[in-house]
Amino acid sequence: MGAHRRRCDWCNNGTPIVRDMEPINPDYQYWCEECARALIIKGDPIETYRELEGEPIYGRLLDEHCTLKRFYQFARA
């Protein structure tokens, strides 16, 4: 099933914008913008990720909300 048909694995409502490429729990790989923002604000951002919408939405969220700049990887297809 393509990402455009998926729903956020956390809220089961939003359209995913990012995929966690190294999830701790494989049941939670696809994240909508609101849930991804909440992860960043909570201090638990996705470290190895793939943008799903073709725009760096998650990258912008990291820039806007992440105070501790760690090394994050954008996974290339």
N, C-alpha and C. Protein backbone atom coordinates (compact mmCIF):
# COMPACT_ATOMS: atom_id res chain seq x y z
N MET A 1 0.85 -1.16 0.00
CA MET A 1 0.00 0.00 0.00
C MET A 1 0.90 1.23 0.00
N GLY A 2 0.61 2.21 -0.84
CA GLY A 2 1.40 3.42 -0.95
C GLY A 2 1.17 4.35 0.23
N ALA A 3 2.10 5.27 0.41
CA ALA A 3 2.01 6.21 1.54
C ALA A 3 0.77 7.09 1.44
N HIS A 4 0.31 7.37 0.21
CA HIS A 4 -0.85 8.24 0.06
C HIS A 4 -2.13 7.59 0.54
N ARG A 5 -2.14 6.29 0.72
CA ARG A 5 -3.32 5.58 1.21
C ARG A 5 -3.21 5.27 2.70
N ARG A 6 -2.05 5.45 3.24
CA ARG A 6 -1.82 5.14 4.65
C ARG A 6 -2.38 6.22 5.54
N ARG A 7 -2.47 5.91 6.79
CA ARG A 7 -2.81 6.87 7.84
C ARG A 7 -1.67 6.85 8.84
N CYS A 8 -1.60 7.88 9.62
CA CYS A 8 -0.60 7.97 10.67
C CYS A 8 -0.75 6.77 11.60
N ASP A 9 0.37 6.11 11.90
CA ASP A 9 0.32 4.93 12.77
C ASP A 9 -0.03 5.29 14.21
N TRP A 10 0.21 6.53 14.63
CA TRP A 10 -0.07 6.92 16.01
C TRP A 10 -1.53 7.32 16.19
N CYS A 11 -1.99 8.31 15.40
CA CYS A 11 -3.35 8.83 15.61
C CYS A 11 -4.38 8.15 14.70
N ASN A 12 -3.91 7.43 13.70
CA ASN A 12 -4.77 6.73 12.74
C ASN A 12 -5.73 7.68 12.04
N ASN A 13 -5.31 8.94 11.89
CA ASN A 13 -6.19 9.93 11.29
C ASN A 13 -5.49 10.72 10.20
N GLY A 14 -4.32 11.28 10.50
CA GLY A 14 -3.63 12.17 9.58
C GLY A 14 -2.92 11.43 8.46
N THR A 15 -2.62 12.16 7.40
CA THR A 15 -1.85 11.63 6.27
C THR A 15 -0.37 11.70 6.62
N PRO A 16 0.36 10.60 6.50
CA PRO A 16 1.78 10.60 6.86
C PRO A 16 2.61 11.55 6.00
N ILE A 17 3.54 12.24 6.64
CA ILE A 17 4.49 13.09 5.93
C ILE A 17 5.90 12.53 6.04
N VAL A 18 6.12 11.62 7.00
CA VAL A 18 7.46 11.11 7.26
C VAL A 18 7.38 9.65 7.70
N ARG A 19 8.42 8.90 7.33
CA ARG A 19 8.52 7.50 7.76
C ARG A 19 9.79 7.33 8.58
N ASP A 20 9.65 6.72 9.73
CA ASP A 20 10.78 6.37 10.59
C ASP A 20 11.44 5.14 9.98
N MET A 21 12.68 5.26 9.56
CA MET A 21 13.37 4.16 8.90
C MET A 21 14.00 3.18 9.87
N GLU A 22 14.11 3.55 11.14
CA GLU A 22 14.65 2.66 12.17
C GLU A 22 13.76 2.72 13.41
N PRO A 23 12.50 2.30 13.28
CA PRO A 23 11.58 2.44 14.42
C PRO A 23 11.91 1.46 15.54
N ILE A 24 11.73 1.92 16.76
CA ILE A 24 11.88 1.03 17.91
C ILE A 24 10.75 0.01 17.90
N ASN A 25 9.56 0.47 17.56
CA ASN A 25 8.38 -0.39 17.43
C ASN A 25 7.91 -0.32 15.98
N PRO A 26 7.98 -1.43 15.23
CA PRO A 26 7.60 -1.40 13.81
C PRO A 26 6.13 -1.07 13.56
N ASP A 27 5.32 -1.06 14.60
CA ASP A 27 3.91 -0.67 14.44
C ASP A 27 3.77 0.84 14.25
N TYR A 28 4.83 1.58 14.54
CA TYR A 28 4.79 3.04 14.45
C TYR A 28 5.92 3.53 13.54
N GLN A 29 5.67 3.50 12.24
CA GLN A 29 6.65 3.94 11.25
C GLN A 29 6.22 5.21 10.53
N TYR A 30 4.93 5.39 10.32
CA TYR A 30 4.42 6.49 9.51
C TYR A 30 3.76 7.53 10.42
N TRP A 31 4.17 8.81 10.27
CA TRP A 31 3.74 9.88 11.16
C TRP A 31 3.18 11.05 10.38
N CYS A 32 2.03 11.57 10.83
CA CYS A 32 1.46 12.78 10.23
C CYS A 32 2.20 13.99 10.79
N GLU A 33 1.93 15.16 10.24
CA GLU A 33 2.64 16.37 10.65
C GLU A 33 2.42 16.69 12.13
N GLU A 34 1.19 16.58 12.59
CA GLU A 34 0.90 16.92 14.00
C GLU A 34 1.60 15.97 14.96
N CYS A 35 1.55 14.68 14.68
CA CYS A 35 2.20 13.71 15.58
C CYS A 35 3.72 13.82 15.50
N ALA A 36 4.26 14.08 14.30
CA ALA A 36 5.70 14.27 14.15
C ALA A 36 6.16 15.50 14.93
N ARG A 37 5.39 16.58 14.86
CA ARG A 37 5.71 17.80 15.62
C ARG A 37 5.71 17.49 17.12
N ALA A 38 4.72 16.72 17.57
CA ALA A 38 4.63 16.37 19.00
C ALA A 38 5.85 15.56 19.44
N LEU A 39 6.33 14.65 18.60
CA LEU A 39 7.53 13.88 18.93
C LEU A 39 8.73 14.80 19.12
N ILE A 40 8.88 15.75 18.20
CA ILE A 40 10.01 16.68 18.28
C ILE A 40 9.93 17.52 19.54
N ILE A 41 8.77 18.07 19.81
CA ILE A 41 8.59 18.93 20.99
C ILE A 41 8.81 18.14 22.28
N LYS A 42 8.37 16.88 22.28
CA LYS A 42 8.57 16.01 23.44
C LYS A 42 10.05 15.70 23.67
N GLY A 43 10.86 15.85 22.63
CA GLY A 43 12.28 15.56 22.75
C GLY A 43 12.65 14.19 22.25
N ASP A 44 11.78 13.59 21.44
CA ASP A 44 12.01 12.25 20.91
C ASP A 44 11.84 12.24 19.39
N PRO A 45 12.64 13.06 18.67
CA PRO A 45 12.46 13.13 17.22
C PRO A 45 12.93 11.86 16.50
N ILE A 46 12.42 11.67 15.32
CA ILE A 46 12.83 10.56 14.46
C ILE A 46 14.23 10.88 13.94
N GLU A 47 15.17 9.98 14.12
CA GLU A 47 16.55 10.26 13.75
C GLU A 47 16.88 9.86 12.32
N THR A 48 16.36 8.76 11.84
CA THR A 48 16.59 8.34 10.46
C THR A 48 15.23 8.27 9.80
N TYR A 49 15.01 9.16 8.85
CA TYR A 49 13.66 9.32 8.31
C TYR A 49 13.66 9.50 6.80
N ARG A 50 12.48 9.31 6.23
CA ARG A 50 12.26 9.57 4.81
C ARG A 50 11.03 10.46 4.70
N GLU A 51 11.19 11.58 4.01
CA GLU A 51 10.07 12.48 3.72
C GLU A 51 9.18 11.79 2.70
N LEU A 52 7.87 11.87 2.87
CA LEU A 52 6.94 11.17 1.98
C LEU A 52 6.24 12.07 0.98
N GLU A 53 6.20 13.35 1.22
CA GLU A 53 5.43 14.25 0.37
C GLU A 53 6.27 14.97 -0.68
N GLY A 54 7.56 14.68 -0.74
CA GLY A 54 8.41 15.33 -1.72
C GLY A 54 8.90 16.71 -1.28
N GLU A 55 8.41 17.21 -0.18
CA GLU A 55 8.86 18.48 0.39
C GLU A 55 9.47 18.19 1.76
N PRO A 56 10.43 18.99 2.17
CA PRO A 56 11.09 18.73 3.46
C PRO A 56 10.27 19.22 4.65
N ILE A 57 9.06 18.72 4.78
CA ILE A 57 8.18 19.16 5.87
C ILE A 57 8.78 18.78 7.23
N TYR A 58 9.21 17.53 7.36
CA TYR A 58 9.77 17.10 8.64
C TYR A 58 11.08 17.84 8.94
N GLY A 59 11.89 18.05 7.92
CA GLY A 59 13.12 18.82 8.10
C GLY A 59 12.85 20.22 8.61
N ARG A 60 11.80 20.85 8.10
CA ARG A 60 11.42 22.19 8.58
C ARG A 60 10.93 22.13 10.03
N LEU A 61 10.18 21.06 10.35
CA LEU A 61 9.73 20.91 11.74
C LEU A 61 10.93 20.78 12.69
N LEU A 62 11.94 20.02 12.27
CA LEU A 62 13.15 19.89 13.09
C LEU A 62 13.80 21.26 13.28
N ASP A 63 13.93 22.02 12.19
CA ASP A 63 14.54 23.34 12.29
C ASP A 63 13.76 24.27 13.21
N GLU A 64 12.44 24.19 13.16
CA GLU A 64 11.58 25.08 13.94
C GLU A 64 11.50 24.71 15.42
N HIS A 65 11.52 23.42 15.73
CA HIS A 65 11.17 22.98 17.09
C HIS A 65 12.27 22.25 17.85
N CYS A 66 13.33 21.86 17.20
CA CYS A 66 14.35 21.06 17.87
C CYS A 66 15.46 21.98 18.39
N THR A 67 15.57 22.08 19.70
CA THR A 67 16.59 22.95 20.29
C THR A 67 17.94 22.26 20.36
N LEU A 68 17.96 20.96 20.55
CA LEU A 68 19.20 20.20 20.59
C LEU A 68 19.45 19.65 19.19
N LYS A 69 20.44 20.19 18.51
CA LYS A 69 20.73 19.75 17.15
C LYS A 69 21.63 18.52 17.21
N ARG A 70 21.04 17.39 16.90
CA ARG A 70 21.79 16.15 16.82
C ARG A 70 21.92 15.79 15.35
N PHE A 71 22.54 14.70 15.07
CA PHE A 71 22.70 14.25 13.69
C PHE A 71 21.47 13.47 13.28
N TYR A 72 20.80 13.97 12.27
CA TYR A 72 19.63 13.30 11.72
C TYR A 72 19.95 12.90 10.30
N GLN A 73 19.42 11.77 9.87
CA GLN A 73 19.69 11.28 8.53
C GLN A 73 18.42 11.27 7.70
N PHE A 74 18.56 11.81 6.51
CA PHE A 74 17.49 11.71 5.54
C PHE A 74 17.79 10.49 4.71
N ALA A 75 16.94 9.48 4.77
CA ALA A 75 17.17 8.24 4.03
C ALA A 75 16.82 8.45 2.57
N ARG A 76 17.71 8.05 1.72
CA ARG A 76 17.48 8.19 0.28
C ARG A 76 17.01 6.86 -0.29
N ALA A 77 16.07 6.97 -1.21
CA ALA A 77 15.49 5.76 -1.82
C ALA A 77 16.51 5.08 -2.71
